[in-house]
Amino acid sequence: MNKNFNVRDNKDIDNQEMNNTDTDNINNKKYIYFDHAATTPVLPEVAQAVNECFTKFYGNASEPHLPGRQAKEILESSRQDVAQVLGAKESEITFTGGGTESDNLALFGIAEAYSGRGNHIITSEIEHPAILMPLKFLARKGFKITSLPVDKYGMVDPSDVKKALKDTTILVTIMHANNIVGTIQPIEEIGRLLADKNVIFHTDAVQTFCSAGTNVDSLGVDLLSISGHKIYGPKGVGALYIRKGTKIMPLILGGGQEKGRRSGTENIPGIAGLASAARAGFKTLDDRIAKITAMREYLKTELLKNIDDVRFNGHPTHRLPGNCNFSFKFIEGEAIVLRLDMAGIAASSGSACSSSSMKPTHTLIAMGLSGEEAFGSLRITLGFENTYEEIDYFLETIKRIIMDLRNISPLYKKGR
């Protein structure tokens, strides 16, 4: 592996240099960020777009005066930018407060709009809580939920979707890529088998938007959720793609903004930031994927070569470019995360949305891992601004941390 490989030599990527990457200082020490699946830093041009909306273009987009018209222009040009990345029509984009709201709007909105047709929904066992929790609520309201299993790689079998279909099925919701292990699901194949069925198809693409292909026609989806802060954009903003002709009931009622689908004065700074990040990500998507995938494979290969009793989780190839998930025997992932933090490295032992939970992540359990293996998991998620030098430091550090933790682990002594 050529450690000097660096897509920052590319002019477009070079223009996206992060203000807080290689020379970050937290408590006067360099800090390495390897937790991009949880959130990403904000690109300088994104921060500029957001700031201009706060200070210059602060009007309410519903008002007819000049500041309002300026805000409206930013709103609609941003809608056009997001639609272009998704291969959608502008009218099919509804801005929301984030990925969680987009998922909730998709599920509750479809359940309400199509309840007269049926009450059956198909999903998978490894969905994000933003899907699982609304489905639990709908189950209490009388909806029938079928949760499909996954294989050892965390992948849904499209044939299971076909077998689960009923006359009462109104919605299938399968995430595009899993946030824990990074496995990319066969959404295109599922979309093809649902094409001639009278069933709405939704995918949570929060992890894949601007990290993999998300053209809505290629995927064959009717609804698709995205979030700003996963793509080097601001937090608190997202969008839901809603294919023309798909009925959906709003969650938030009020002034009728977003064509009545999501009331409330539009978050113009956040929306402008989302659009700016989407433009940058779409423009350099292939270069980002190439660089991050190469770094991921280097990290994976070197770690597995130098540390024993480690399991690599997720599909070996059909996965997000920057996601590495490992299970280390005899020790807990949370202890690894804390030691890495002390060494100046940010990583995760699971989903940021449930990091306070003492339960092992449901994704790894669904994949067949034991509780011990799930508790011993570590998630490393890389961004385009990371470097091989940072990975080498991580590899040196993680080897020492694993050795130290195992030396004090009674499980390790017993297992050896």
Protein backbone atom coordinates (compact mmCIF):
# COMPACT_ATOMS: atom_id res chain seq x y z
CA MET A 1 0.00 0.00 0.00
CA ASN A 2 1.27 3.41 -0.97
CA LYS A 3 0.94 5.47 2.19
CA ASN A 4 1.43 8.65 0.18
CA PHE A 5 -1.83 8.09 -1.70
CA ASN A 6 -3.76 11.27 -1.06
CA VAL A 7 -6.76 12.54 -2.99
CA ARG A 8 -6.11 15.99 -1.58
CA ASP A 9 -3.89 16.40 -4.62
CA ASN A 10 -7.15 16.52 -6.56
CA LYS A 11 -8.12 20.16 -7.07
CA ASP A 12 -11.77 19.69 -6.08
CA ILE A 13 -10.88 17.81 -2.89
CA ASP A 14 -8.13 20.29 -2.12
CA ASN A 15 -10.70 23.07 -2.01
CA GLN A 16 -12.47 21.18 0.77
CA GLU A 17 -9.55 21.14 3.21
CA MET A 18 -10.89 20.95 6.72
CA ASN A 19 -10.03 23.67 9.20
CA ASN A 20 -9.78 21.12 11.97
CA THR A 21 -8.21 17.95 10.62
CA ASP A 22 -4.48 17.22 10.63
CA THR A 23 -3.64 19.99 13.08
CA ASP A 24 -6.60 19.65 15.42
CA ASN A 25 -5.77 20.44 19.00
CA ILE A 26 -7.98 19.36 21.85
CA ASN A 27 -6.45 20.21 25.20
CA ASN A 28 -3.28 21.24 23.32
CA LYS A 29 -2.75 17.85 21.71
CA LYS A 30 -3.42 16.50 18.26
CA TYR A 31 -6.77 14.71 18.10
CA ILE A 32 -7.68 12.21 15.39
CA TYR A 33 -11.33 11.88 14.40
CA PHE A 34 -12.43 8.39 13.32
CA ASP A 35 -16.18 8.62 14.08
CA HIS A 36 -17.68 9.96 10.85
CA ALA A 37 -20.69 7.61 11.01
CA ALA A 38 -21.81 9.48 14.14
CA THR A 39 -21.28 12.94 12.68
CA THR A 40 -18.83 14.83 10.49
CA PRO A 41 -16.98 18.13 10.78
CA VAL A 42 -18.39 20.99 8.71
CA LEU A 43 -16.69 22.04 5.50
CA PRO A 44 -15.48 25.67 5.41
CA GLU A 45 -17.70 26.51 2.43
CA VAL A 46 -20.67 25.00 4.24
CA ALA A 47 -20.00 27.10 7.34
CA GLN A 48 -19.76 30.18 5.11
CA ALA A 49 -23.09 29.41 3.44
CA VAL A 50 -24.75 28.92 6.83
CA ASN A 51 -23.26 32.11 8.26
CA GLU A 52 -24.38 34.21 5.29
CA CYS A 53 -27.94 33.05 5.83
CA PHE A 54 -27.73 34.03 9.48
CA THR A 55 -26.26 37.47 8.80
CA LYS A 56 -27.25 38.52 5.26
CA PHE A 57 -30.17 36.44 4.04
CA TYR A 58 -32.18 36.21 7.22
CA GLY A 59 -35.66 36.72 5.77
CA ASN A 60 -38.68 34.48 6.19
CA ALA A 61 -39.14 32.61 2.91
CA SER A 62 -42.93 32.97 3.19
CA GLU A 63 -42.83 36.76 3.04
CA PRO A 64 -43.10 38.71 -0.25
CA HIS A 65 -40.59 41.47 0.57
CA LEU A 66 -36.95 41.48 -0.59
CA PRO A 67 -35.43 39.60 2.40
CA GLY A 68 -38.21 37.03 2.09
CA ARG A 69 -37.65 36.65 -1.64
CA GLN A 70 -33.92 36.20 -1.08
CA ALA A 71 -34.58 33.47 1.47
CA LYS A 72 -37.07 31.83 -0.88
CA GLU A 73 -34.50 31.83 -3.68
CA ILE A 74 -31.96 30.10 -1.42
CA LEU A 75 -34.60 27.59 -0.34
CA GLU A 76 -35.54 26.61 -3.87
CA SER A 77 -32.00 26.57 -5.25
CA SER A 78 -31.03 24.31 -2.33
CA ARG A 79 -33.97 22.04 -3.14
CA GLN A 80 -32.73 21.88 -6.72
CA ASP A 81 -29.21 20.94 -5.57
CA VAL A 82 -30.41 18.11 -3.31
CA ALA A 83 -32.77 16.84 -6.00
CA GLN A 84 -29.93 16.76 -8.52
CA VAL A 85 -27.77 14.59 -6.27
CA LEU A 86 -30.66 12.15 -5.83
CA GLY A 87 -31.73 12.19 -9.47
CA ALA A 88 -35.12 13.49 -8.36
CA LYS A 89 -37.49 16.33 -9.20
CA GLU A 90 -37.36 19.47 -7.06
CA SER A 91 -41.00 19.00 -6.10
CA GLU A 92 -40.12 15.61 -4.60
CA ILE A 93 -37.81 17.03 -1.92
CA THR A 94 -39.20 17.96 1.50
CA PHE A 95 -36.80 19.53 3.99
CA THR A 96 -36.97 18.30 7.58
CA GLY A 97 -35.15 18.70 10.89
CA GLY A 98 -32.86 15.71 10.27
CA GLY A 99 -32.70 12.02 9.41
CA THR A 100 -34.79 10.96 12.38
CA GLU A 101 -37.63 13.28 11.43
CA SER A 102 -37.40 12.14 7.82
CA ASP A 103 -37.74 8.50 8.91
CA ASN A 104 -40.63 9.32 11.22
CA LEU A 105 -42.42 11.28 8.51
CA ALA A 106 -41.97 8.41 6.07
CA LEU A 107 -43.34 5.76 8.44
CA PHE A 108 -46.13 7.64 10.18
CA GLY A 109 -47.04 9.56 7.04
CA ILE A 110 -47.43 6.43 4.92
CA ALA A 111 -49.16 4.45 7.67
CA GLU A 112 -51.76 7.19 8.04
CA ALA A 113 -52.22 7.80 4.32
CA TYR A 114 -52.55 4.13 3.34
CA SER A 115 -54.20 2.61 6.41
CA GLY A 116 -57.36 2.07 4.41
CA ARG A 117 -55.49 -0.24 2.07
CA GLY A 118 -53.76 -2.38 4.72
CA ASN A 119 -51.84 -2.49 8.00
CA HIS A 120 -48.75 -4.61 7.26
CA ILE A 121 -45.20 -3.20 7.19
CA ILE A 122 -41.97 -5.07 6.38
CA THR A 123 -38.61 -4.05 7.81
CA SER A 124 -35.33 -5.65 8.94
CA GLU A 125 -33.92 -6.53 12.34
CA ILE A 126 -30.98 -4.13 11.98
CA GLU A 127 -32.71 -0.82 11.29
CA HIS A 128 -31.76 2.41 13.04
CA PRO A 129 -33.81 3.30 16.14
CA ALA A 130 -35.39 6.10 14.09
CA ILE A 131 -37.14 3.29 12.22
CA LEU A 132 -37.53 0.70 14.97
CA MET A 133 -39.11 2.99 17.56
CA PRO A 134 -41.84 4.40 15.25
CA LEU A 135 -42.63 0.84 14.14
CA LYS A 136 -43.04 -0.24 17.76
CA PHE A 137 -45.47 2.65 18.20
CA LEU A 138 -47.39 1.63 15.07
CA ALA A 139 -47.53 -1.96 16.33
CA ARG A 140 -49.28 -0.71 19.46
CA LYS A 141 -51.78 1.00 17.19
CA GLY A 142 -52.65 -2.27 15.45
CA PHE A 143 -50.19 -2.38 12.56
CA LYS A 144 -48.54 -5.73 11.85
CA ILE A 145 -44.76 -5.55 11.58
CA THR A 146 -42.58 -8.22 9.96
CA SER A 147 -38.87 -7.90 10.86
CA LEU A 148 -36.68 -9.80 8.44
CA PRO A 149 -33.49 -11.52 9.61
CA VAL A 150 -30.04 -10.82 8.20
CA ASP A 151 -27.15 -13.14 7.38
CA LYS A 152 -23.77 -13.25 9.10
CA TYR A 153 -22.70 -10.17 7.13
CA GLY A 154 -25.73 -8.14 8.20
CA MET A 155 -27.45 -8.37 4.81
CA VAL A 156 -31.14 -8.83 4.04
CA ASP A 157 -32.10 -11.52 1.51
CA PRO A 158 -34.43 -9.96 -1.11
CA SER A 159 -36.26 -13.28 -1.39
CA ASP A 160 -37.29 -12.88 2.25
CA VAL A 161 -38.91 -9.58 1.34
CA LYS A 162 -40.86 -11.28 -1.43
CA LYS A 163 -41.98 -14.11 0.87
CA ALA A 164 -43.14 -11.65 3.54
CA LEU A 165 -45.44 -9.70 1.21
CA LYS A 166 -49.17 -9.91 1.93
CA ASP A 167 -52.28 -8.42 0.41
CA THR A 168 -52.30 -6.03 3.39
CA THR A 169 -48.67 -4.89 2.96
CA ILE A 170 -48.50 -1.13 2.46
CA LEU A 171 -44.84 -0.34 3.17
CA VAL A 172 -41.37 -1.90 3.02
CA THR A 173 -38.61 0.02 4.83
CA ILE A 174 -35.05 -1.30 4.57
CA MET A 175 -32.01 0.87 5.34
CA HIS A 176 -29.58 1.47 2.47
CA ALA A 177 -26.51 0.82 4.63
CA ASN A 178 -26.18 -0.17 8.25
CA ASN A 179 -24.72 2.47 10.53
CA ILE A 180 -22.95 -0.04 12.80
CA VAL A 181 -21.20 -2.47 10.44
CA GLY A 182 -21.52 -0.57 7.15
CA THR A 183 -23.10 -3.36 5.10
CA ILE A 184 -24.86 -1.99 2.02
CA GLN A 185 -28.20 -3.66 1.43
CA PRO A 186 -29.44 -4.93 -1.99
CA ILE A 187 -31.89 -2.05 -2.31
CA GLU A 188 -31.87 -2.11 -6.13
CA GLU A 189 -32.89 -5.77 -6.17
CA ILE A 190 -35.61 -5.20 -3.59
CA GLY A 191 -36.81 -2.21 -5.58
CA ARG A 192 -37.09 -4.33 -8.72
CA LEU A 193 -39.15 -7.03 -7.03
CA LEU A 194 -41.49 -4.39 -5.57
CA ALA A 195 -41.83 -2.48 -8.85
CA ASP A 196 -45.03 -4.26 -9.91
CA LYS A 197 -46.43 -4.52 -6.39
CA ASN A 198 -48.81 -1.97 -4.91
CA VAL A 199 -46.40 -1.33 -2.01
CA ILE A 200 -44.51 1.83 -0.97
CA PHE A 201 -40.73 1.35 -0.63
CA HIS A 202 -38.68 3.49 1.77
CA THR A 203 -34.97 3.44 2.52
CA ASP A 204 -32.99 5.24 5.20
CA ALA A 205 -30.01 6.55 3.20
CA VAL A 206 -28.53 8.70 5.98
CA GLN A 207 -25.26 6.74 5.85
CA THR A 208 -25.01 6.46 2.05
CA PHE A 209 -25.98 9.93 0.84
CA CYS A 210 -22.76 11.38 -0.66
CA SER A 211 -20.91 8.19 0.36
CA ALA A 212 -22.39 5.80 -2.22
CA GLY A 213 -24.81 5.92 -5.13
CA THR A 214 -28.26 7.16 -4.08
CA ASN A 215 -30.04 7.78 -7.38
CA VAL A 216 -33.67 7.18 -6.48
CA ASP A 217 -34.63 5.68 -9.85
CA SER A 218 -31.69 3.28 -9.79
CA LEU A 219 -32.61 2.23 -6.25
CA GLY A 220 -36.29 1.92 -7.14
CA VAL A 221 -37.51 3.64 -3.97
CA ASP A 222 -40.55 5.82 -3.32
CA LEU A 223 -39.15 7.47 -0.19
CA LEU A 224 -35.56 8.16 0.88
CA SER A 225 -34.25 9.83 4.05
CA ILE A 226 -31.07 11.92 4.31
CA SER A 227 -29.33 14.03 6.96
CA GLY A 228 -27.00 17.03 6.77
CA HIS A 229 -24.53 16.29 9.54
CA LYS A 230 -23.41 12.95 8.06
CA ILE A 231 -22.08 14.64 4.89
CA TYR A 232 -19.95 17.49 6.33
CA GLY A 233 -23.03 19.68 6.71
CA PRO A 234 -24.83 21.19 9.71
CA LYS A 235 -26.82 19.34 12.34
CA GLY A 236 -30.57 19.79 12.67
CA VAL A 237 -31.46 19.56 8.98
CA GLY A 238 -32.36 16.74 6.62
CA ALA A 239 -34.71 15.89 3.80
CA LEU A 240 -37.17 13.25 2.68
CA TYR A 241 -37.49 12.33 -0.98
CA ILE A 242 -41.13 11.56 -1.78
CA ARG A 243 -41.78 10.19 -5.25
CA LYS A 244 -44.47 12.04 -7.20
CA GLY A 245 -47.83 10.36 -6.69
CA THR A 246 -46.98 8.97 -3.24
CA LYS A 247 -49.50 10.08 -0.65
CA ILE A 248 -48.18 11.08 2.76
CA MET A 249 -49.75 12.68 5.81
CA PRO A 250 -47.75 15.40 7.61
CA LEU A 251 -46.44 15.01 11.15
CA ILE A 252 -46.19 18.75 11.83
CA LEU A 253 -49.18 20.99 11.16
CA GLY A 254 -49.20 24.77 11.03
CA GLY A 255 -48.48 27.25 8.29
CA GLY A 256 -48.38 24.72 5.48
CA GLN A 257 -44.75 25.15 4.48
CA GLU A 258 -43.06 22.53 2.26
CA LYS A 259 -46.27 22.06 0.30
CA GLY A 260 -48.08 21.20 3.50
CA ARG A 261 -45.85 18.23 4.24
CA ARG A 262 -43.79 19.89 6.98
CA SER A 263 -45.08 23.10 8.54
CA GLY A 264 -42.83 25.60 10.27
CA THR A 265 -40.65 28.45 9.09
CA GLU A 266 -37.94 26.88 6.96
CA ASN A 267 -34.45 26.57 8.46
CA ILE A 268 -32.77 28.48 5.64
CA PRO A 269 -29.24 28.42 7.17
CA GLY A 270 -29.42 24.67 7.72
CA ILE A 271 -30.95 23.99 4.32
CA ALA A 272 -28.30 26.09 2.57
CA GLY A 273 -25.62 24.19 4.49
CA LEU A 274 -27.12 20.83 3.54
CA ALA A 275 -27.20 21.85 -0.13
CA SER A 276 -23.61 23.14 -0.02
CA ALA A 277 -22.37 19.88 1.53
CA ALA A 278 -24.37 17.85 -0.99
CA ARG A 279 -22.87 19.77 -3.92
CA ALA A 280 -19.35 19.23 -2.61
CA GLY A 281 -19.94 15.55 -1.88
CA PHE A 282 -21.54 14.84 -5.25
CA LYS A 283 -18.80 16.66 -7.16
CA THR A 284 -16.01 14.62 -5.57
CA LEU A 285 -17.90 11.38 -4.81
CA ASP A 286 -15.74 9.02 -6.87
CA ASP A 287 -12.48 10.46 -5.51
CA ARG A 288 -13.76 10.30 -1.95
CA ILE A 289 -14.87 6.68 -2.33
CA ALA A 290 -11.52 5.67 -3.86
CA LYS A 291 -9.44 7.31 -1.15
CA ILE A 292 -11.53 6.25 1.83
CA THR A 293 -11.93 2.65 0.60
CA ALA A 294 -8.16 2.32 0.16
CA MET A 295 -7.54 3.64 3.67
CA ARG A 296 -10.19 1.30 5.09
CA GLU A 297 -8.60 -1.74 3.50
CA TYR A 298 -5.17 -0.71 4.74
CA LEU A 299 -6.45 -0.26 8.29
CA LYS A 300 -8.39 -3.54 8.21
CA THR A 301 -5.51 -5.58 6.78
CA GLU A 302 -2.88 -4.23 9.15
CA LEU A 303 -5.04 -4.57 12.26
CA LEU A 304 -6.07 -8.16 11.53
CA LYS A 305 -2.46 -9.03 10.73
CA ASN A 306 -1.08 -7.68 14.00
CA ILE A 307 -3.77 -8.47 16.60
CA ASP A 308 -5.10 -11.96 17.40
CA ASP A 309 -8.63 -12.96 18.34
CA VAL A 310 -10.33 -10.25 16.29
CA ARG A 311 -13.42 -10.57 14.13
CA PHE A 312 -14.17 -8.18 11.27
CA ASN A 313 -17.92 -7.48 11.18
CA GLY A 314 -20.06 -6.77 8.16
CA HIS A 315 -19.81 -7.63 4.49
CA PRO A 316 -16.19 -7.70 3.26
CA THR A 317 -16.90 -5.71 0.07
CA HIS A 318 -20.52 -4.51 -0.05
CA ARG A 319 -20.01 -1.92 2.65
CA LEU A 320 -19.60 1.78 3.24
CA PRO A 321 -16.19 3.06 2.13
CA GLY A 322 -15.01 4.21 5.56
CA ASN A 323 -16.63 1.71 7.93
CA CYS A 324 -14.50 -0.79 9.88
CA ASN A 325 -16.18 -2.75 12.67
CA PHE A 326 -14.16 -5.18 14.78
CA SER A 327 -14.96 -7.43 17.72
CA PHE A 328 -12.06 -8.01 20.11
CA LYS A 329 -12.35 -11.12 22.27
CA PHE A 330 -12.05 -10.96 26.07
CA ILE A 331 -12.51 -7.17 26.46
CA GLU A 332 -15.25 -4.54 26.16
CA GLY A 333 -15.49 -2.04 23.34
CA GLU A 334 -16.37 0.80 25.69
CA ALA A 335 -13.04 0.38 27.49
CA ILE A 336 -11.25 0.51 24.13
CA VAL A 337 -13.08 3.71 23.19
CA LEU A 338 -12.11 5.39 26.47
CA ARG A 339 -8.46 4.38 26.10
CA LEU A 340 -8.40 5.62 22.50
CA ASP A 341 -9.88 8.94 23.61
CA MET A 342 -7.09 9.31 26.17
CA ALA A 343 -4.64 8.69 23.33
CA GLY A 344 -6.27 11.40 21.18
CA ILE A 345 -8.43 9.24 18.91
CA ALA A 346 -12.21 9.40 18.55
CA ALA A 347 -13.92 6.09 17.81
CA SER A 348 -17.19 4.38 18.75
CA SER A 349 -18.38 1.13 20.25
CA GLY A 350 -21.72 1.38 18.48
CA SER A 351 -24.46 3.76 17.43
CA ALA A 352 -24.12 7.29 18.81
CA CYS A 353 -27.89 7.33 19.27
CA SER A 354 -27.67 4.55 21.87
CA SER A 355 -24.15 4.95 23.25
CA SER A 356 -25.50 5.35 26.79
CA SER A 357 -27.25 1.98 26.64
CA MET A 358 -25.68 -0.97 28.44
CA LYS A 359 -27.22 -3.42 25.95
CA PRO A 360 -25.14 -4.82 23.09
CA THR A 361 -26.07 -3.33 19.73
CA HIS A 362 -29.02 -5.14 18.17
CA THR A 363 -27.29 -5.20 14.77
CA LEU A 364 -24.45 -7.48 15.90
CA ILE A 365 -26.82 -9.75 17.81
CA ALA A 366 -29.02 -10.07 14.72
CA MET A 367 -25.90 -11.07 12.75
CA GLY A 368 -25.35 -14.00 15.12
CA LEU A 369 -22.64 -12.60 17.38
CA SER A 370 -22.67 -13.53 21.03
CA GLY A 371 -23.23 -10.91 23.70
CA GLU A 372 -19.53 -11.03 24.53
CA GLU A 373 -18.54 -10.45 20.90
CA ALA A 374 -21.03 -7.61 20.56
CA PHE A 375 -19.83 -5.92 23.74
CA GLY A 376 -16.27 -6.18 22.45
CA SER A 377 -16.98 -4.28 19.25
CA LEU A 378 -15.22 -1.16 18.00
CA ARG A 379 -16.40 0.99 15.08
CA ILE A 380 -13.88 3.05 13.12
CA THR A 381 -15.40 5.29 10.44
CA LEU A 382 -13.05 7.27 8.24
CA GLY A 383 -13.52 10.54 6.37
CA PHE A 384 -11.82 11.93 3.30
CA GLU A 385 -9.70 14.27 5.44
CA ASN A 386 -8.08 11.41 7.37
CA THR A 387 -4.54 10.32 6.49
CA TYR A 388 -2.39 7.20 6.49
CA GLU A 389 -0.24 8.80 9.17
CA GLU A 390 -3.29 8.96 11.41
CA ILE A 391 -4.11 5.34 10.65
CA ASP A 392 -0.56 4.25 11.48
CA TYR A 393 -0.77 6.04 14.82
CA PHE A 394 -4.10 4.35 15.47
CA LEU A 395 -2.66 0.91 14.61
CA GLU A 396 0.24 1.39 16.99
CA THR A 397 -2.07 2.67 19.71
CA ILE A 398 -4.80 0.04 19.37
CA LYS A 399 -2.29 -2.81 19.56
CA ARG A 400 -0.97 -1.47 22.85
CA ILE A 401 -4.47 -0.83 24.21
CA ILE A 402 -5.72 -4.32 23.38
CA MET A 403 -2.66 -5.87 25.01
CA ASP A 404 -3.08 -3.79 28.16
CA LEU A 405 -6.81 -4.50 28.49
CA ARG A 406 -6.41 -8.21 27.91
CA ASN A 407 -3.66 -8.42 30.49
CA ILE A 408 -6.09 -7.23 33.14
CA SER A 409 -9.08 -9.20 31.82
CA PRO A 410 -10.06 -12.36 33.72
CA LEU A 411 -11.80 -13.54 30.56
CA TYR A 412 -8.52 -13.41 28.64
CA LYS A 413 -6.66 -15.45 31.24
CA LYS A 414 -9.45 -18.01 31.31
CA GLY A 415 -9.79 -18.10 27.53
CA ARG A 416 -6.08 -18.67 26.99
